[in-house]
N, C-alpha and C. Protein backbone atom coordinates (compact mmCIF):
# COMPACT_ATOMS: atom_id res chain seq x y z
N UNK A 1 10.46 10.06 -3.04
CA UNK A 1 11.44 9.37 -3.89
C UNK A 1 12.58 8.70 -3.16
N UNK A 2 12.65 7.76 -3.50
CA UNK A 2 13.53 6.34 -2.59
C UNK A 2 15.09 6.54 -3.61
N UNK A 3 15.99 6.34 -2.57
CA UNK A 3 17.16 6.39 -2.65
C UNK A 3 18.28 5.64 -2.17
N UNK A 4 18.64 4.36 -3.09
CA UNK A 4 19.75 3.04 -2.63
C UNK A 4 20.85 4.41 -1.82
N UNK A 5 21.33 3.82 -0.75
CA UNK A 5 22.47 4.29 0.07
C UNK A 5 23.41 3.76 -0.06
N UNK A 6 23.38 1.92 0.43
CA UNK A 6 24.79 1.28 0.30
C UNK A 6 23.93 -0.07 0.35
N UNK A 7 25.11 -0.87 0.24
CA UNK A 7 24.75 -2.34 -0.48
C UNK A 7 26.19 -2.73 0.15
N UNK A 8 25.97 -3.78 1.11
CA UNK A 8 26.97 -4.85 1.96
C UNK A 8 26.40 -6.24 1.69
N UNK A 9 27.38 -7.36 2.08
CA UNK A 9 27.55 -8.66 2.08
C UNK A 9 27.03 -8.97 3.80
N UNK A 10 26.04 -10.01 3.44
CA UNK A 10 25.28 -10.23 4.67
C UNK A 10 25.22 -11.63 4.73
N UNK A 11 26.16 -12.50 5.74
CA UNK A 11 25.73 -13.86 6.32
C UNK A 11 24.92 -14.15 6.90
N UNK A 12 23.85 -14.64 6.75
CA UNK A 12 22.92 -15.02 7.45
C UNK A 12 22.38 -16.63 7.86
N UNK A 13 21.58 -16.64 9.25
CA UNK A 13 21.16 -18.28 9.09
C UNK A 13 20.41 -18.90 8.60
N UNK A 14 19.75 -18.25 7.09
CA UNK A 14 19.24 -18.53 6.22
C UNK A 14 19.83 -18.65 4.86
N UNK A 15 21.37 -18.10 4.94
CA UNK A 15 22.60 -18.39 3.73
C UNK A 15 23.20 -16.86 3.84
N UNK A 16 23.77 -16.40 2.39
CA UNK A 16 24.05 -15.94 2.14
C UNK A 16 23.60 -14.79 1.39
N UNK A 17 23.62 -13.30 1.69
CA UNK A 17 22.93 -12.26 1.06
C UNK A 17 23.66 -10.91 0.80
N UNK A 18 22.82 -10.20 0.09
CA UNK A 18 23.19 -8.68 0.15
C UNK A 18 22.11 -7.96 0.45
N UNK A 19 22.61 -7.14 1.38
CA UNK A 19 21.27 -6.44 2.13
C UNK A 19 21.85 -5.21 1.35
N UNK A 20 20.83 -4.18 1.01
CA UNK A 20 20.49 -2.92 0.82
C UNK A 20 19.85 -2.20 1.53
N UNK A 21 20.30 -0.87 1.60
CA UNK A 21 19.39 -0.02 2.40
C UNK A 21 19.38 1.20 1.39
N UNK A 22 17.77 1.17 1.81
CA UNK A 22 17.38 3.05 0.76
C UNK A 22 16.51 3.47 1.97
N UNK A 23 16.93 4.81 1.58
CA UNK A 23 15.95 6.42 2.10
C UNK A 23 15.28 6.89 1.18
N UNK A 24 14.08 7.46 2.36
CA UNK A 24 13.46 8.29 1.64
C UNK A 24 13.66 9.74 1.46
N UNK A 25 12.92 10.67 1.06
CA UNK A 25 13.70 11.66 1.60
C UNK A 25 13.97 12.24 2.94
N UNK A 26 13.33 11.76 3.74
CA UNK A 26 13.85 12.46 5.09
C UNK A 26 14.97 11.57 5.56
N UNK A 27 16.31 12.08 5.36
CA UNK A 27 17.51 11.02 5.87
C UNK A 27 17.34 10.26 7.16
N UNK A 28 16.39 10.94 8.27
CA UNK A 28 16.98 11.00 9.69
C UNK A 28 15.84 9.60 9.73
N UNK A 29 15.01 8.82 8.86
CA UNK A 29 14.40 8.06 8.59
C UNK A 29 14.96 6.95 8.72
N UNK A 30 14.59 5.61 9.59
CA UNK A 30 15.21 4.33 9.54
C UNK A 30 14.79 3.95 7.98
N UNK A 31 16.01 3.47 7.66
CA UNK A 31 16.04 2.93 6.03
C UNK A 31 15.53 1.60 5.85
N UNK A 32 14.72 1.31 4.84
CA UNK A 32 13.99 0.21 4.42
C UNK A 32 15.05 -0.59 3.80
N UNK A 33 15.00 -1.77 3.96
CA UNK A 33 15.78 -2.67 3.71
C UNK A 33 15.28 -4.28 2.66
N UNK A 34 16.31 -4.32 1.72
CA UNK A 34 16.34 -5.56 0.73
C UNK A 34 17.36 -6.16 1.10
N UNK A 35 16.77 -7.61 1.50
CA UNK A 35 17.83 -8.25 1.89
C UNK A 35 17.84 -9.86 0.58
N UNK A 36 18.96 -9.83 -0.25
CA UNK A 36 18.90 -10.19 -1.80
C UNK A 36 19.56 -11.76 -1.75
N UNK A 37 18.72 -12.65 -1.96
CA UNK A 37 19.88 -14.15 -2.05
C UNK A 37 21.48 -13.92 -3.01
N UNK A 38 22.55 -14.54 -2.74
CA UNK A 38 23.24 -13.99 -3.29
C UNK A 38 23.22 -15.06 -4.78
N UNK A 39 22.52 -16.00 -4.28
CA UNK A 39 21.99 -16.91 -6.06
C UNK A 39 21.36 -16.78 -6.73
N UNK A 40 20.62 -15.25 -6.31
CA UNK A 40 19.30 -15.45 -7.08
C UNK A 40 19.16 -15.01 -8.64
N UNK A 41 17.87 -15.64 -8.96
CA UNK A 41 17.95 -15.48 -10.88
C UNK A 41 16.79 -14.80 -11.55
N UNK A 42 17.52 -13.70 -11.61
CA UNK A 42 16.72 -12.60 -11.76
C UNK A 42 16.04 -12.62 -13.42
N UNK A 43 16.34 -13.30 -14.13
CA UNK A 43 15.43 -14.32 -15.58
C UNK A 43 14.09 -14.55 -15.45
N UNK A 44 14.12 -15.44 -14.08
CA UNK A 44 13.01 -16.26 -13.40
C UNK A 44 12.00 -15.36 -13.08
N UNK A 45 10.71 -15.42 -12.03
CA UNK A 45 10.17 -15.19 -11.13
C UNK A 45 10.63 -15.00 -9.47
N UNK A 46 10.94 -14.22 -9.32
CA UNK A 46 11.76 -14.51 -7.80
C UNK A 46 10.61 -13.94 -6.59
N UNK A 47 10.78 -15.07 -6.00
CA UNK A 47 10.08 -14.54 -4.43
C UNK A 47 10.54 -13.87 -3.74
N UNK A 48 9.68 -13.08 -3.27
CA UNK A 48 9.31 -12.10 -2.93
C UNK A 48 8.65 -11.97 -1.76
N UNK A 49 8.89 -11.57 -0.79
CA UNK A 49 7.75 -10.98 0.39
C UNK A 49 8.08 -9.54 1.01
N UNK A 50 7.27 -8.64 0.83
CA UNK A 50 7.41 -7.57 1.30
C UNK A 50 6.82 -6.97 2.47
N UNK A 51 7.61 -7.18 3.87
CA UNK A 51 7.84 -7.29 5.03
C UNK A 51 7.62 -6.01 5.62
N UNK A 52 6.16 -5.34 6.41
CA UNK A 52 6.09 -4.57 7.41
C UNK A 52 6.90 -4.66 8.68
N UNK A 53 7.82 -3.70 8.85
CA UNK A 53 8.13 -4.04 10.31
C UNK A 53 7.40 -4.37 11.54
N UNK A 54 7.75 -5.11 12.19
CA UNK A 54 6.79 -5.44 13.54
C UNK A 54 7.60 -5.75 14.53
N UNK A 55 8.35 -4.64 15.29
CA UNK A 55 9.56 -5.14 16.45
C UNK A 55 8.85 -5.94 17.40
N UNK A 56 7.93 -5.67 17.98
CA UNK A 56 7.48 -6.61 19.11
C UNK A 56 6.84 -8.01 18.21
N UNK A 57 6.56 -8.29 16.90
CA UNK A 57 6.76 -9.36 16.48
C UNK A 57 7.65 -10.18 16.02
N UNK A 58 8.59 -9.69 15.59
CA UNK A 58 9.63 -9.95 14.40
C UNK A 58 10.95 -10.22 16.15
N UNK A 59 11.57 -9.16 16.60
CA UNK A 59 12.41 -9.25 17.60
C UNK A 59 11.26 -10.11 18.73
N UNK A 60 10.96 -9.65 19.26
CA UNK A 60 10.64 -10.11 20.56
C UNK A 60 9.87 -11.29 20.57
N UNK A 61 9.04 -11.87 19.76
CA UNK A 61 7.81 -12.88 19.31
C UNK A 61 6.70 -12.53 20.11
N UNK A 62 6.14 -11.90 20.01
CA UNK A 62 4.99 -10.91 20.32
C UNK A 62 4.18 -12.28 19.68
N UNK A 63 3.20 -12.80 20.86
CA UNK A 63 2.03 -13.35 19.73
C UNK A 63 0.61 -12.98 19.72
N UNK A 64 0.73 -11.67 19.88
CA UNK A 64 -0.58 -10.57 19.24
C UNK A 64 -0.82 -10.74 18.36
N UNK A 65 -0.14 -10.85 17.38
CA UNK A 65 0.01 -10.61 15.74
C UNK A 65 0.68 -12.39 15.33
N UNK A 66 1.07 -12.62 14.09
CA UNK A 66 1.84 -13.58 13.37
C UNK A 66 2.95 -13.35 12.91
N UNK A 67 3.06 -12.08 12.72
CA UNK A 67 4.03 -11.42 12.36
C UNK A 67 5.90 -11.70 12.24
N UNK A 68 6.13 -12.00 13.64
CA UNK A 68 7.06 -12.83 13.48
C UNK A 68 7.32 -13.97 12.60
N UNK A 69 6.56 -14.68 12.91
CA UNK A 69 6.19 -16.49 12.16
C UNK A 69 6.08 -16.12 11.16
N UNK A 70 5.40 -15.44 10.09
CA UNK A 70 5.28 -14.75 8.98
C UNK A 70 7.14 -14.20 8.19
N UNK A 71 7.53 -13.55 8.77
CA UNK A 71 9.05 -13.32 8.66
C UNK A 71 9.95 -14.49 8.88
N UNK A 72 9.80 -15.40 9.62
CA UNK A 72 10.90 -16.42 9.87
C UNK A 72 10.25 -17.54 8.31
N UNK A 73 8.97 -17.91 8.14
CA UNK A 73 8.62 -18.92 7.46
C UNK A 73 9.16 -18.07 5.69
N UNK A 74 8.25 -16.22 5.62
CA UNK A 74 9.01 -16.60 4.24
C UNK A 74 10.64 -16.12 4.31
N UNK A 75 11.34 -16.36 4.96
CA UNK A 75 12.55 -16.63 4.77
C UNK A 75 13.15 -17.93 4.50
N UNK A 76 12.48 -18.59 5.28
CA UNK A 76 12.13 -19.98 5.03
C UNK A 76 12.24 -20.63 3.36
N UNK A 77 11.48 -19.87 3.05
CA UNK A 77 10.98 -19.93 1.49
C UNK A 77 11.82 -19.01 0.40
N UNK A 78 12.39 -17.87 1.27
CA UNK A 78 13.33 -16.92 0.36
C UNK A 78 14.38 -17.86 0.12
N UNK A 79 15.11 -18.36 0.93
CA UNK A 79 16.30 -19.15 1.44
C UNK A 79 16.11 -20.84 0.69
N UNK A 80 15.22 -21.29 0.45
CA UNK A 80 14.70 -22.03 -0.61
C UNK A 80 14.55 -22.04 -2.14
N UNK A 81 14.71 -20.96 -2.02
CA UNK A 81 13.89 -20.65 -4.06
C UNK A 81 14.81 -19.54 -3.95
N UNK A 82 15.55 -18.99 -3.34
CA UNK A 82 16.68 -17.48 -3.53
C UNK A 82 16.00 -16.46 -4.15
N UNK A 83 15.74 -16.06 -3.01
CA UNK A 83 14.55 -14.45 -3.34
C UNK A 83 14.96 -13.29 -2.54
N UNK A 84 13.95 -12.58 -2.06
CA UNK A 84 14.35 -11.47 -1.77
C UNK A 84 13.19 -10.99 -0.60
N UNK A 85 14.10 -10.31 0.58
CA UNK A 85 13.29 -9.75 2.02
C UNK A 85 12.90 -8.66 1.22
N UNK A 86 12.20 -7.91 1.32
CA UNK A 86 11.93 -6.38 1.58
C UNK A 86 11.18 -5.74 2.97
N UNK A 87 12.02 -5.09 3.52
CA UNK A 87 11.57 -4.93 5.17
C UNK A 87 11.42 -3.57 5.04
N UNK A 88 10.09 -2.89 5.00
CA UNK A 88 9.60 -1.82 5.04
C UNK A 88 9.68 -1.28 6.61
N UNK A 89 10.16 0.16 6.43
CA UNK A 89 10.10 0.23 8.32
C UNK A 89 8.98 1.26 8.24
N UNK A 90 7.72 0.76 8.46
CA UNK A 90 6.13 1.07 8.58
C UNK A 90 5.36 0.35 9.64
N UNK A 91 6.30 0.61 11.13
CA UNK A 91 5.90 -0.45 12.53
C UNK A 91 4.23 0.11 11.98
N UNK A 92 3.56 -0.97 12.99
CA UNK A 92 2.34 -0.60 13.28
C UNK A 92 1.44 -0.56 12.26
N UNK A 93 1.34 -0.62 11.10
CA UNK A 93 0.71 -0.51 9.95
C UNK A 93 1.22 0.90 9.77
N UNK A 94 2.61 1.75 9.60
CA UNK A 94 2.53 2.83 9.44
C UNK A 94 2.63 3.62 10.11
N UNK A 95 1.69 3.54 11.51
CA UNK A 95 1.58 4.68 12.49
C UNK A 95 2.82 4.86 13.40
N UNK A 96 3.95 3.40 13.48
CA UNK A 96 5.16 4.16 14.12
C UNK A 96 4.79 3.57 15.85
N UNK A 97 5.92 3.18 16.25
CA UNK A 97 6.16 1.89 17.96
C UNK A 97 4.86 2.81 18.39
N UNK A 98 5.78 4.49 18.88
CA UNK A 98 4.83 4.69 20.10
C UNK A 98 3.34 4.82 20.20
N UNK A 99 2.70 5.09 18.57
CA UNK A 99 1.19 4.77 18.42
C UNK A 99 0.79 3.60 18.55
N UNK A 100 1.34 2.29 18.05
CA UNK A 100 1.19 0.80 18.04
C UNK A 100 1.00 0.27 19.82
N UNK A 101 2.23 0.70 20.36
CA UNK A 101 1.49 0.29 21.61
C UNK A 101 0.42 0.63 22.50
N UNK A 102 0.50 2.26 22.27
CA UNK A 102 -0.99 3.29 22.05
C UNK A 102 -2.50 2.33 22.31
N UNK A 103 -2.03 1.79 20.58
CA UNK A 103 -3.39 1.48 19.71
C UNK A 103 -3.10 -0.51 20.96
N UNK A 104 -2.14 -0.72 20.84
CA UNK A 104 -2.43 -1.84 21.59
C UNK A 104 -3.38 -1.95 23.12
N UNK A 105 -3.25 -0.55 23.69
CA UNK A 105 -3.75 -0.38 25.24
C UNK A 105 -5.25 -0.25 24.59
N UNK A 106 -5.78 0.28 23.33
CA UNK A 106 -6.96 0.35 22.82
C UNK A 106 -7.86 -1.20 22.77
N UNK A 107 -6.66 -1.98 21.75
CA UNK A 107 -7.30 -3.49 21.99
C UNK A 107 -7.31 -4.08 23.62
N UNK A 108 -7.31 -3.96 24.26
CA UNK A 108 -6.78 -4.05 25.70
C UNK A 108 -8.13 -3.96 26.06
N UNK A 109 -8.27 -2.94 25.84
CA UNK A 109 -9.63 -2.16 25.94
C UNK A 109 -11.11 -2.98 25.09
N UNK A 110 -10.78 -3.37 24.35
CA UNK A 110 -12.13 -3.85 23.50
C UNK A 110 -11.89 -3.84 21.82
N UNK A 111 -11.26 -2.51 21.06
CA UNK A 111 -11.40 -2.68 19.99
C UNK A 111 -10.16 -3.05 19.16
N UNK A 112 -10.71 -3.55 17.98
CA UNK A 112 -9.93 -4.38 17.16
C UNK A 112 -8.42 -3.82 16.49
N UNK A 113 -7.55 -4.05 16.03
CA UNK A 113 -6.35 -3.47 15.72
C UNK A 113 -6.98 -2.28 14.64
N UNK A 114 -7.51 -2.42 13.64
CA UNK A 114 -8.04 -1.14 12.88
C UNK A 114 -8.78 -0.28 13.37
N UNK A 115 -9.49 -0.91 14.02
CA UNK A 115 -10.04 0.39 15.45
C UNK A 115 -9.51 1.35 15.96
N UNK A 116 -8.28 0.92 16.83
CA UNK A 116 -7.40 1.47 17.23
C UNK A 116 -6.64 2.51 16.85
N UNK A 117 -6.19 1.82 15.42
CA UNK A 117 -5.66 3.22 14.59
C UNK A 117 -6.46 4.10 14.63
N UNK A 118 -7.85 3.84 13.82
CA UNK A 118 -9.09 5.44 13.67
C UNK A 118 -8.78 5.55 14.89
N UNK A 119 -9.29 5.41 15.72
CA UNK A 119 -9.36 5.99 16.86
C UNK A 119 -8.15 7.04 17.34
N UNK A 120 -7.10 6.28 17.33
CA UNK A 120 -5.72 7.24 17.32
C UNK A 120 -5.52 8.42 16.35
N UNK A 121 -6.52 8.26 15.06
CA UNK A 121 -6.46 9.47 14.06
C UNK A 121 -5.75 9.38 13.27
N UNK A 122 -5.36 7.86 12.90
CA UNK A 122 -4.97 7.38 11.69
C UNK A 122 -5.58 6.56 10.71
N UNK A 123 -5.35 6.54 9.42
CA UNK A 123 -6.05 5.63 8.67
C UNK A 123 -6.15 3.91 8.97
N UNK A 124 -6.93 2.72 9.13
CA UNK A 124 -6.99 1.91 9.49
C UNK A 124 -5.42 0.91 9.15
N UNK A 125 -5.13 1.66 7.76
CA UNK A 125 -3.85 1.36 7.53
C UNK A 125 -2.96 2.41 6.66
N UNK A 126 -1.99 2.59 7.42
CA UNK A 126 -0.96 3.76 6.87
C UNK A 126 -0.05 3.14 5.99
N UNK A 127 0.22 2.15 5.80
CA UNK A 127 1.22 1.42 4.80
C UNK A 127 1.21 1.79 3.37
N UNK A 128 2.41 2.18 2.62
CA UNK A 128 2.62 2.49 1.45
C UNK A 128 3.60 1.55 0.40
N UNK A 129 2.58 0.54 0.33
CA UNK A 129 3.63 -0.66 -0.82
C UNK A 129 3.99 0.22 -1.98
N UNK A 130 4.01 0.98 -2.64
CA UNK A 130 4.59 1.93 -3.56
C UNK A 130 5.54 1.49 -3.58
N UNK A 131 6.41 2.00 -1.99
CA UNK A 131 7.87 1.68 -1.76
C UNK A 131 8.54 0.75 -2.25
N UNK A 132 8.42 -0.66 -1.83
CA UNK A 132 8.45 -1.87 -2.12
C UNK A 132 8.91 -2.00 -3.96
N UNK A 133 7.78 -1.69 -4.40
CA UNK A 133 7.78 -1.29 -6.18
C UNK A 133 8.89 -0.79 -6.40
N UNK A 134 9.88 0.37 -5.93
CA UNK A 134 10.52 1.02 -6.28
C UNK A 134 12.02 0.12 -5.92
N UNK A 135 11.60 -0.11 -5.19
CA UNK A 135 13.06 -0.80 -4.30
C UNK A 135 13.12 -2.25 -5.54
N UNK A 136 11.68 -2.98 -5.79
CA UNK A 136 12.22 -3.93 -6.75
C UNK A 136 12.59 -3.49 -8.21
N UNK A 137 12.53 -2.28 -8.27
CA UNK A 137 12.85 -1.75 -9.79
C UNK A 137 14.01 -1.25 -9.73
N UNK A 138 14.54 -1.20 -8.81
CA UNK A 138 15.99 -0.61 -8.47
C UNK A 138 16.73 -1.41 -8.58
N UNK A 139 16.31 -3.08 -8.17
CA UNK A 139 17.04 -3.74 -7.88
C UNK A 139 17.21 -5.00 -9.59
N UNK A 140 16.22 -4.30 -10.72
CA UNK A 140 16.09 -5.00 -11.62
C UNK A 140 15.20 -6.01 -11.82
N UNK A 141 14.26 -6.22 -11.14
CA UNK A 141 13.43 -7.28 -10.91
C UNK A 141 12.30 -6.60 -11.55
N UNK A 142 11.52 -7.69 -12.17
CA UNK A 142 10.75 -7.88 -13.09
C UNK A 142 9.41 -9.02 -12.86
N UNK A 143 9.80 -10.00 -12.68
CA UNK A 143 8.24 -10.87 -12.56
C UNK A 143 8.63 -11.49 -11.05
N UNK A 144 7.48 -11.58 -10.19
CA UNK A 144 8.14 -12.30 -9.09
C UNK A 144 6.70 -13.28 -8.68
N UNK A 145 7.14 -13.88 -7.70
CA UNK A 145 6.44 -15.00 -7.10
C UNK A 145 5.99 -14.46 -5.69
N UNK A 146 4.93 -13.36 -5.08
CA UNK A 146 4.60 -13.16 -4.09
C UNK A 146 4.28 -13.48 -2.58
N UNK A 147 5.33 -13.64 -1.74
CA UNK A 147 4.84 -14.33 -0.63
C UNK A 147 3.88 -13.00 0.48
N UNK A 148 2.57 -13.68 0.39
CA UNK A 148 1.70 -12.97 1.02
C UNK A 148 0.57 -13.30 1.58
N UNK A 149 -0.16 -12.90 2.27
CA UNK A 149 -2.03 -13.29 2.39
C UNK A 149 -2.70 -11.76 2.58
N UNK A 150 -1.74 -10.74 1.78
CA UNK A 150 -2.62 -9.28 2.26
C UNK A 150 -2.89 -9.29 0.70
N UNK A 151 -4.19 -9.15 0.05
CA UNK A 151 -4.49 -8.80 -0.91
C UNK A 151 -4.35 -7.19 -1.54
N UNK A 152 -3.78 -6.47 -0.51
CA UNK A 152 -3.15 -4.43 -0.87
C UNK A 152 -1.94 -4.89 -1.41
N UNK A 153 -1.15 -5.68 -1.01
CA UNK A 153 -0.07 -6.30 -1.49
C UNK A 153 0.06 -6.47 -3.19
N UNK A 154 -0.91 -7.84 -3.45
CA UNK A 154 -1.09 -8.04 -4.76
C UNK A 154 -1.74 -6.91 -5.25
N UNK A 155 -2.56 -6.43 -4.88
CA UNK A 155 -2.90 -4.58 -6.09
C UNK A 155 -1.70 -4.06 -6.17
N UNK A 156 -0.70 -3.73 -5.17
CA UNK A 156 0.09 -2.53 -5.19
C UNK A 156 0.88 -3.26 -6.47
N UNK A 157 1.54 -4.59 -6.58
CA UNK A 157 2.39 -5.16 -7.77
C UNK A 157 1.44 -5.34 -8.82
N UNK A 158 -0.20 -5.59 -8.75
CA UNK A 158 -0.68 -5.99 -9.99
C UNK A 158 -1.05 -3.95 -10.59
N UNK A 159 -0.79 -3.50 -10.13
CA UNK A 159 -0.73 -1.93 -10.47
C UNK A 159 0.38 -1.00 -10.78
N UNK A 160 1.37 -2.02 -10.68
CA UNK A 160 3.21 -1.13 -11.04
C UNK A 160 3.46 -1.95 -12.80
N UNK A 161 4.69 -1.76 -13.15
CA UNK A 161 5.35 -2.70 -13.84
C UNK A 161 5.40 -3.99 -13.90
N UNK A 162 5.77 -4.49 -12.38
CA UNK A 162 5.89 -5.83 -12.04
C UNK A 162 4.97 -6.76 -12.46
N UNK A 163 5.36 -7.80 -13.05
CA UNK A 163 4.57 -9.12 -13.01
C UNK A 163 4.29 -10.17 -12.08
N UNK A 164 3.55 -10.07 -11.75
CA UNK A 164 2.41 -10.98 -10.20
C UNK A 164 2.67 -12.23 -11.27
N UNK A 165 3.32 -13.45 -11.12
CA UNK A 165 3.45 -14.84 -11.88
C UNK A 165 2.33 -15.73 -10.54
N UNK A 166 2.61 -15.58 -9.43
CA UNK A 166 1.88 -16.52 -8.71
C UNK A 166 2.19 -15.89 -7.39
N UNK A 167 1.30 -16.18 -6.20
CA UNK A 167 0.84 -15.71 -5.22
C UNK A 167 1.50 -16.97 -4.00
N UNK A 168 2.55 -16.72 -2.82
CA UNK A 168 2.65 -17.94 -1.80
C UNK A 168 1.85 -17.45 -0.80
N UNK A 169 1.08 -18.15 -0.61
CA UNK A 169 0.71 -18.10 0.62
C UNK A 169 1.54 -18.57 1.80
N UNK A 170 1.09 -17.85 2.78
CA UNK A 170 2.01 -18.11 4.48
C UNK A 170 0.85 -18.68 4.97
N UNK A 171 0.70 -19.69 5.66
CA UNK A 171 0.16 -20.62 6.57
C UNK A 171 0.98 -20.36 8.15
N UNK A 172 0.31 -19.79 8.86
CA UNK A 172 0.77 -19.65 10.19
C UNK A 172 -0.75 -19.78 11.61
N UNK A 173 -0.38 -21.28 12.19
CA UNK A 173 -1.39 -21.55 12.59
C UNK A 173 -1.83 -20.68 13.84
N UNK A 174 -3.19 -20.35 14.01
CA UNK A 174 -3.49 -19.19 15.21
C UNK A 174 -3.17 -19.84 16.18
N UNK A 175 -2.82 -18.80 17.41
CA UNK A 175 -2.91 -19.34 18.86
C UNK A 175 -3.74 -18.24 19.42
N UNK A 176 -4.23 -18.81 20.68
CA UNK A 176 -5.06 -18.45 21.39
C UNK A 176 -5.18 -16.79 21.98
N UNK A 177 -3.97 -16.09 21.83
CA UNK A 177 -3.61 -15.13 21.72
C UNK A 177 -3.90 -14.17 20.61
N UNK A 178 -3.70 -14.49 19.55
CA UNK A 178 -4.09 -14.12 18.16
C UNK A 178 -5.26 -14.06 17.12
N UNK A 179 -6.21 -15.08 17.59
CA UNK A 179 -7.37 -15.82 16.77
C UNK A 179 -8.09 -14.45 16.25
N UNK A 180 -8.32 -13.79 17.59
CA UNK A 180 -8.98 -12.48 16.97
C UNK A 180 -8.43 -11.20 16.39
N UNK A 181 -7.27 -11.28 15.78
CA UNK A 181 -6.47 -10.63 15.53
C UNK A 181 -6.78 -11.14 14.39
N UNK A 182 -6.08 -12.44 14.09
CA UNK A 182 -6.49 -12.85 12.66
C UNK A 182 -7.66 -12.79 12.36
N UNK A 183 -8.74 -13.16 13.09
CA UNK A 183 -10.10 -13.01 12.38
C UNK A 183 -10.43 -11.46 11.76
N UNK A 184 -10.16 -10.62 12.49
CA UNK A 184 -10.38 -9.27 12.41
C UNK A 184 -9.19 -8.94 10.81
N UNK A 185 -8.69 -9.76 10.56
CA UNK A 185 -7.39 -9.62 9.19
C UNK A 185 -8.34 -10.55 8.02
N UNK A 186 -8.82 -11.24 8.05
CA UNK A 186 -9.44 -12.08 7.75
C UNK A 186 -10.88 -11.45 7.14
N UNK A 187 -11.24 -11.02 8.06
CA UNK A 187 -12.86 -10.17 8.09
C UNK A 187 -12.28 -9.05 6.86
N UNK A 188 -11.40 -8.59 6.76
CA UNK A 188 -10.79 -7.18 5.72
C UNK A 188 -10.40 -7.64 4.41
N UNK A 189 -10.17 -9.34 4.67
CA UNK A 189 -10.11 -9.34 2.93
C UNK A 189 -8.62 -10.57 3.23
N UNK A 190 -8.16 -10.47 4.19
CA UNK A 190 -6.61 -11.00 4.06
C UNK A 190 -6.89 -12.42 3.78
N UNK A 191 -6.41 -13.52 2.95
CA UNK A 191 -6.24 -14.59 2.26
C UNK A 191 -6.15 -15.40 3.10
N UNK A 192 -6.51 -15.94 4.90
CA UNK A 192 -6.25 -16.69 5.35
C UNK A 192 -7.06 -18.03 5.47
């Protein structure tokens, strides 16, 4: 069960937000975050991005993936349309940073991103998007426009009490370093 721990004001380069921290049963885990635009209108469909933590992409600008660019583009949309960024602490599709870096080595040896996770003893994708549903419910959000290319995130919303009005695609041009990664995502159903 998710519990709201704290809320604070957070001025950012994208404007003024409230930041909320939510924790699961294990309080030693890093909290999940909701960044809520100060001028949000919850009576309309709210633009929402459910973003899984990617330290290498979000912070260090890795070109192995498009995560950091998706985060930046989503924040631009959220800023313009007054929405919410949900930042789930599910690094490496839920396998954690150390295992993700091990997966990088396996990818360099020829496995794709999903095969590497399975080779390490995990499911191809261990993430739980139900956490985002709990956060949206706690925030009183009923109708959203979901900023995503991931059909699993769409399915999570479709199987909840949250109404999905629209999908907002994220269009990030591929780079030579992540073309293969994006092809694999497209092959498993991502809407690229």
